[in-house]
Amino acid sequence: SLLSVVFALCTAWCFWLVQADPARTLWLLAAALFIQLRLLCNLFDGMVAVEGGKHTPAGELYNDMPDRVADVLILVAAGYACPLPWGVELGWGAAVLAVMTAYVRTLSASIGAPVDFRGPMAKQQRMAALTLACLCGTVEGFLSGTPLYSLTLALGVIVSGSVLTLVRRTLAAWHFLEER
């Protein structure tokens, strides 16, 4: 999980270069790769902890905290790479909502509700949307020279989907706790 933050930093750096470098489409491809490497780190971490029996009492901290840092780094940087003036706000909004979806999951579990990873914009779906946006942005860049509208659209989808995810997780926890 800690290594996933390194890949998130690499992704953020690529998004930063997208706005500054004429070879921006190549940076979008690199960002897509680093996003996937970040997810692989999370996958391997979970496999080692659960399947390998390496779970520790502090394991949840090492699992969850780096994810929140990585989400914020990637989503905020994607917002800065957007060409529209409100792209930055979309990136920050997506980052705050990503943290909130995890907060609702953790809070719900801490007060007795089941752990809820449902979406439609859980971590994997957010990162899939951004990866797809990077790939579409690469094509967009080769066709028009401006590969950034895909990122704006993806962040809009992430914001909308994250709001829906927050509502679904909150209502599920509320129903469970009230029916207990």
C-alpha atoms as a PDB file:
ATOM      1  CA  SER A   1       0.000   0.000   0.000  1.00  0.00           C
ATOM      2  CA  LEU A   2       2.844   2.404   0.715  1.00  0.00           C
ATOM      3  CA  LEU A   3       4.299   1.702  -2.722  1.00  0.00           C
ATOM      4  CA  SER A   4       0.916   2.613  -4.221  1.00  0.00           C
ATOM      5  CA  VAL A   5       1.518   6.185  -3.032  1.00  0.00           C
ATOM      6  CA  VAL A   6       4.746   6.263  -5.052  1.00  0.00           C
ATOM      7  CA  PHE A   7       2.796   5.243  -8.165  1.00  0.00           C
ATOM      8  CA  ALA A   8       0.146   7.843  -7.309  1.00  0.00           C
ATOM      9  CA  LEU A   9       2.898  10.481  -7.166  1.00  0.00           C
ATOM     10  CA  CYS A  10       4.129   9.292 -10.571  1.00  0.00           C
ATOM     11  CA  THR A  11       0.572   9.570 -11.904  1.00  0.00           C
ATOM     12  CA  ALA A  12       0.231  13.080 -10.479  1.00  0.00           C
ATOM     13  CA  TRP A  13       3.538  14.057 -12.051  1.00  0.00           C
ATOM     14  CA  CYS A  14       2.345  12.767 -15.419  1.00  0.00           C
ATOM     15  CA  PHE A  15      -0.861  14.805 -15.108  1.00  0.00           C
ATOM     16  CA  TRP A  16       1.234  17.838 -14.239  1.00  0.00           C
ATOM     17  CA  LEU A  17       3.328  17.300 -17.379  1.00  0.00           C
ATOM     18  CA  VAL A  18       0.186  16.880 -19.495  1.00  0.00           C
ATOM     19  CA  GLN A  19      -0.593  20.559 -19.065  1.00  0.00           C
ATOM     20  CA  ALA A  20       2.967  21.714 -19.780  1.00  0.00           C
ATOM     21  CA  ASP A  21       4.456  19.383 -22.382  1.00  0.00           C
ATOM     22  CA  PRO A  22       3.619  19.268 -26.088  1.00  0.00           C
ATOM     23  CA  ALA A  23       4.068  15.481 -25.912  1.00  0.00           C
ATOM     24  CA  ARG A  24       1.068  15.365 -23.565  1.00  0.00           C
ATOM     25  CA  THR A  25      -0.480  12.266 -25.091  1.00  0.00           C
ATOM     26  CA  LEU A  26       2.528  10.219 -24.031  1.00  0.00           C
ATOM     27  CA  TRP A  27       2.142  11.481 -20.459  1.00  0.00           C
ATOM     28  CA  LEU A  28      -1.490  10.363 -20.492  1.00  0.00           C
ATOM     29  CA  LEU A  29      -0.376   6.856 -21.452  1.00  0.00           C
ATOM     30  CA  ALA A  30       2.170   6.907 -18.644  1.00  0.00           C
ATOM     31  CA  ALA A  31      -0.502   8.111 -16.199  1.00  0.00           C
ATOM     32  CA  ALA A  32      -2.763   5.221 -17.226  1.00  0.00           C
ATOM     33  CA  LEU A  33       0.086   2.783 -16.572  1.00  0.00           C
ATOM     34  CA  PHE A  34       0.884   4.252 -13.148  1.00  0.00           C
ATOM     35  CA  ILE A  35      -2.788   4.163 -12.146  1.00  0.00           C
ATOM     36  CA  GLN A  36      -2.860   0.455 -12.923  1.00  0.00           C
ATOM     37  CA  LEU A  37       0.398  -0.121 -11.025  1.00  0.00           C
ATOM     38  CA  ARG A  38      -1.155   1.643  -8.027  1.00  0.00           C
ATOM     39  CA  LEU A  39      -4.117  -0.745  -8.173  1.00  0.00           C
ATOM     40  CA  LEU A  40      -1.808  -3.753  -8.492  1.00  0.00           C
ATOM     41  CA  CYS A  41      -0.020  -2.671  -5.310  1.00  0.00           C
ATOM     42  CA  ASN A  42      -3.365  -2.632  -3.508  1.00  0.00           C
ATOM     43  CA  LEU A  43      -4.247  -6.034  -4.916  1.00  0.00           C
ATOM     44  CA  PHE A  44      -0.944  -7.597  -3.894  1.00  0.00           C
ATOM     45  CA  ASP A  45      -1.126  -5.996  -0.459  1.00  0.00           C
ATOM     46  CA  GLY A  46      -4.557  -7.514   0.099  1.00  0.00           C
ATOM     47  CA  MET A  47      -3.459 -10.899  -1.192  1.00  0.00           C
ATOM     48  CA  VAL A  48      -0.417 -10.974   1.075  1.00  0.00           C
ATOM     49  CA  ALA A  49      -2.433  -9.880   4.117  1.00  0.00           C
ATOM     50  CA  VAL A  50      -5.435 -12.138   3.633  1.00  0.00           C
ATOM     51  CA  GLU A  51      -4.206 -15.116   1.632  1.00  0.00           C
ATOM     52  CA  GLY A  52      -0.710 -15.137   3.100  1.00  0.00           C
ATOM     53  CA  GLY A  53      -1.904 -14.754   6.673  1.00  0.00           C
ATOM     54  CA  LYS A  54       0.225 -11.640   7.181  1.00  0.00           C
ATOM     55  CA  HIS A  55      -2.629  -9.539   8.619  1.00  0.00           C
ATOM     56  CA  THR A  56      -1.491  -7.375  11.544  1.00  0.00           C
ATOM     57  CA  PRO A  57      -3.455  -5.305  14.064  1.00  0.00           C
ATOM     58  CA  ALA A  58      -2.278  -2.098  12.346  1.00  0.00           C
ATOM     59  CA  GLY A  59      -2.845  -3.539   8.888  1.00  0.00           C
ATOM     60  CA  GLU A  60      -6.007  -1.535   8.269  1.00  0.00           C
ATOM     61  CA  LEU A  61      -4.080   1.695   8.811  1.00  0.00           C
ATOM     62  CA  TYR A  62      -1.443   0.645   6.306  1.00  0.00           C
ATOM     63  CA  ASN A  63      -4.157  -0.422   3.890  1.00  0.00           C
ATOM     64  CA  ASP A  64      -6.533   2.533   4.129  1.00  0.00           C
ATOM     65  CA  MET A  65      -4.380   5.608   4.753  1.00  0.00           C
ATOM     66  CA  PRO A  66      -2.153   5.228   1.672  1.00  0.00           C
ATOM     67  CA  ASP A  67      -5.289   4.714  -0.433  1.00  0.00           C
ATOM     68  CA  ARG A  68      -6.687   8.054   0.682  1.00  0.00           C
ATOM     69  CA  VAL A  69      -3.394   9.828  -0.040  1.00  0.00           C
ATOM     70  CA  ALA A  70      -3.164   8.154  -3.454  1.00  0.00           C
ATOM     71  CA  ASP A  71      -6.770   9.038  -4.324  1.00  0.00           C
ATOM     72  CA  VAL A  72      -6.229  12.699  -3.494  1.00  0.00           C
ATOM     73  CA  LEU A  73      -2.928  12.919  -5.380  1.00  0.00           C
ATOM     74  CA  ILE A  74      -4.348  11.353  -8.528  1.00  0.00           C
ATOM     75  CA  LEU A  75      -7.750  13.048  -8.611  1.00  0.00           C
ATOM     76  CA  VAL A  76      -6.513  16.549  -7.780  1.00  0.00           C
ATOM     77  CA  ALA A  77      -3.709  16.283 -10.345  1.00  0.00           C
ATOM     78  CA  ALA A  78      -6.201  15.091 -12.972  1.00  0.00           C
ATOM     79  CA  GLY A  79      -8.237  18.223 -12.274  1.00  0.00           C
ATOM     80  CA  TYR A  80      -5.223  20.430 -12.890  1.00  0.00           C
ATOM     81  CA  ALA A  81      -4.640  18.649 -16.209  1.00  0.00           C
ATOM     82  CA  CYS A  82      -8.171  19.543 -17.412  1.00  0.00           C
ATOM     83  CA  PRO A  83      -8.374  22.366 -19.976  1.00  0.00           C
ATOM     84  CA  LEU A  84     -11.530  23.967 -18.620  1.00  0.00           C
ATOM     85  CA  PRO A  85     -11.334  26.610 -15.887  1.00  0.00           C
ATOM     86  CA  TRP A  86     -13.469  24.508 -13.537  1.00  0.00           C
ATOM     87  CA  GLY A  87     -11.421  21.349 -14.062  1.00  0.00           C
ATOM     88  CA  VAL A  88      -9.454  22.088 -10.899  1.00  0.00           C
ATOM     89  CA  GLU A  89     -12.675  22.239  -8.884  1.00  0.00           C
ATOM     90  CA  LEU A  90     -13.807  18.948 -10.414  1.00  0.00           C
ATOM     91  CA  GLY A  91     -10.522  17.328  -9.376  1.00  0.00           C
ATOM     92  CA  TRP A  92     -10.755  18.627  -5.822  1.00  0.00           C
ATOM     93  CA  GLY A  93     -14.432  17.664  -5.634  1.00  0.00           C
ATOM     94  CA  ALA A  94     -13.648  14.159  -6.845  1.00  0.00           C
ATOM     95  CA  ALA A  95     -10.856  13.869  -4.259  1.00  0.00           C
ATOM     96  CA  VAL A  96     -13.049  15.030  -1.370  1.00  0.00           C
ATOM     97  CA  LEU A  97     -15.840  12.676  -2.417  1.00  0.00           C
ATOM     98  CA  ALA A  98     -13.395   9.764  -2.739  1.00  0.00           C
ATOM     99  CA  VAL A  99     -12.256  10.355   0.828  1.00  0.00           C
ATOM    100  CA  MET A 100     -15.871  10.667   1.957  1.00  0.00           C
ATOM    101  CA  THR A 101     -16.878   7.340   0.399  1.00  0.00           C
ATOM    102  CA  ALA A 102     -14.098   5.653   2.362  1.00  0.00           C
ATOM    103  CA  TYR A 103     -15.070   7.579   5.487  1.00  0.00           C
ATOM    104  CA  VAL A 104     -18.682   6.437   5.280  1.00  0.00           C
ATOM    105  CA  ARG A 105     -17.514   2.832   4.767  1.00  0.00           C
ATOM    106  CA  THR A 106     -15.186   3.003   7.767  1.00  0.00           C
ATOM    107  CA  LEU A 107     -17.600   4.891  10.004  1.00  0.00           C
ATOM    108  CA  SER A 108     -20.435   2.503   9.182  1.00  0.00           C
ATOM    109  CA  ALA A 109     -18.277  -0.504  10.009  1.00  0.00           C
ATOM    110  CA  SER A 110     -17.091   1.110  13.252  1.00  0.00           C
ATOM    111  CA  ILE A 111     -20.669   1.519  14.498  1.00  0.00           C
ATOM    112  CA  GLY A 112     -21.722  -2.010  13.647  1.00  0.00           C
ATOM    113  CA  ALA A 113     -22.873  -1.996  10.023  1.00  0.00           C
ATOM    114  CA  PRO A 114     -21.308  -4.391   7.514  1.00  0.00           C
ATOM    115  CA  VAL A 115     -18.284  -3.190   5.557  1.00  0.00           C
ATOM    116  CA  ASP A 116     -19.700  -1.812   2.324  1.00  0.00           C
ATOM    117  CA  PHE A 117     -17.571  -1.555  -0.812  1.00  0.00           C
ATOM    118  CA  ARG A 118     -20.480  -0.937  -3.194  1.00  0.00           C
ATOM    119  CA  GLY A 119     -20.252   1.651  -5.929  1.00  0.00           C
ATOM    120  CA  PRO A 120     -20.942   2.841  -8.515  1.00  0.00           C
ATOM    121  CA  MET A 121     -17.740   4.806  -7.783  1.00  0.00           C
ATOM    122  CA  ALA A 122     -15.654   2.774  -5.392  1.00  0.00           C
ATOM    123  CA  LYS A 123     -11.865   2.993  -5.729  1.00  0.00           C
ATOM    124  CA  GLN A 124     -11.592   0.509  -8.587  1.00  0.00           C
ATOM    125  CA  GLN A 125     -14.326   2.211 -10.601  1.00  0.00           C
ATOM    126  CA  ARG A 126     -12.809   5.665 -10.055  1.00  0.00           C
ATOM    127  CA  MET A 127      -9.423   4.463 -11.223  1.00  0.00           C
ATOM    128  CA  ALA A 128     -10.965   2.581 -14.172  1.00  0.00           C
ATOM    129  CA  ALA A 129     -12.745   5.775 -15.250  1.00  0.00           C
ATOM    130  CA  LEU A 130      -9.497   7.746 -15.066  1.00  0.00           C
ATOM    131  CA  THR A 131      -7.521   5.063 -16.884  1.00  0.00           C
ATOM    132  CA  LEU A 132     -10.123   5.012 -19.658  1.00  0.00           C
ATOM    133  CA  ALA A 133     -10.026   8.828 -19.772  1.00  0.00           C
ATOM    134  CA  CYS A 134      -6.240   8.742 -20.176  1.00  0.00           C
ATOM    135  CA  LEU A 135      -6.501   6.264 -23.037  1.00  0.00           C
ATOM    136  CA  CYS A 136      -9.322   8.221 -24.695  1.00  0.00           C
ATOM    137  CA  GLY A 137      -7.361  11.415 -24.133  1.00  0.00           C
ATOM    138  CA  THR A 138      -4.436   9.892 -25.984  1.00  0.00           C
ATOM    139  CA  VAL A 139      -6.652   9.207 -28.989  1.00  0.00           C
ATOM    140  CA  GLU A 140      -8.231  12.639 -28.579  1.00  0.00           C
ATOM    141  CA  GLY A 141      -4.771  14.198 -28.590  1.00  0.00           C
ATOM    142  CA  PHE A 142      -3.699  12.457 -31.768  1.00  0.00           C
ATOM    143  CA  LEU A 143      -6.932  13.513 -33.513  1.00  0.00           C
ATOM    144  CA  SER A 144      -7.303  17.081 -32.300  1.00  0.00           C
ATOM    145  CA  GLY A 145      -4.169  18.067 -30.446  1.00  0.00           C
ATOM    146  CA  THR A 146      -6.135  18.616 -27.199  1.00  0.00           C
ATOM    147  CA  PRO A 147      -6.240  15.397 -25.186  1.00  0.00           C
ATOM    148  CA  LEU A 148      -7.822  16.801 -22.073  1.00  0.00           C
ATOM    149  CA  TYR A 149     -11.592  16.803 -22.443  1.00  0.00           C
ATOM    150  CA  SER A 150     -11.729  13.093 -21.644  1.00  0.00           C
ATOM    151  CA  LEU A 151     -10.264  13.846 -18.219  1.00  0.00           C
ATOM    152  CA  THR A 152     -12.881  16.531 -17.599  1.00  0.00           C
ATOM    153  CA  LEU A 153     -15.686  14.159 -18.541  1.00  0.00           C
ATOM    154  CA  ALA A 154     -14.240  11.371 -16.374  1.00  0.00           C
ATOM    155  CA  LEU A 155     -13.960  13.658 -13.358  1.00  0.00           C
ATOM    156  CA  GLY A 156     -17.567  14.726 -13.854  1.00  0.00           C
ATOM    157  CA  VAL A 157     -18.613  11.066 -13.929  1.00  0.00           C
ATOM    158  CA  ILE A 158     -16.511  10.356 -10.833  1.00  0.00           C
ATOM    159  CA  VAL A 159     -18.073  13.259  -8.926  1.00  0.00           C
ATOM    160  CA  SER A 160     -21.613  12.222  -9.877  1.00  0.00           C
ATOM    161  CA  GLY A 161     -20.979   8.550  -9.194  1.00  0.00           C
ATOM    162  CA  SER A 162     -19.282   9.292  -5.882  1.00  0.00           C
ATOM    163  CA  VAL A 163     -22.287  11.263  -4.678  1.00  0.00           C
ATOM    164  CA  LEU A 164     -24.475   8.277  -5.572  1.00  0.00           C
ATOM    165  CA  THR A 165     -22.030   5.930  -3.835  1.00  0.00           C
ATOM    166  CA  LEU A 166     -22.142   8.073  -0.685  1.00  0.00           C
ATOM    167  CA  VAL A 167     -25.926   8.027  -0.664  1.00  0.00           C
ATOM    168  CA  ARG A 168     -26.102   4.262  -1.232  1.00  0.00           C
ATOM    169  CA  ARG A 169     -23.546   3.427   1.458  1.00  0.00           C
ATOM    170  CA  THR A 170     -25.086   5.808   3.963  1.00  0.00           C
ATOM    171  CA  LEU A 171     -28.607   4.494   3.384  1.00  0.00           C
ATOM    172  CA  ALA A 172     -27.433   0.876   3.566  1.00  0.00           C
ATOM    173  CA  ALA A 173     -25.741   1.520   6.917  1.00  0.00           C
ATOM    174  CA  TRP A 174     -28.746   3.460   8.188  1.00  0.00           C
ATOM    175  CA  HIS A 175     -31.171   0.685   7.209  1.00  0.00           C
ATOM    176  CA  PHE A 176     -28.980  -1.987   8.761  1.00  0.00           C
ATOM    177  CA  LEU A 177     -28.545  -0.094  12.021  1.00  0.00           C
ATOM    178  CA  GLU A 178     -32.224   0.853  12.299  1.00  0.00           C
ATOM    179  CA  GLU A 179     -33.406  -2.714  11.631  1.00  0.00           C
ATOM    180  CA  ARG A 180     -31.064  -4.252  14.189  1.00  0.00           C
END
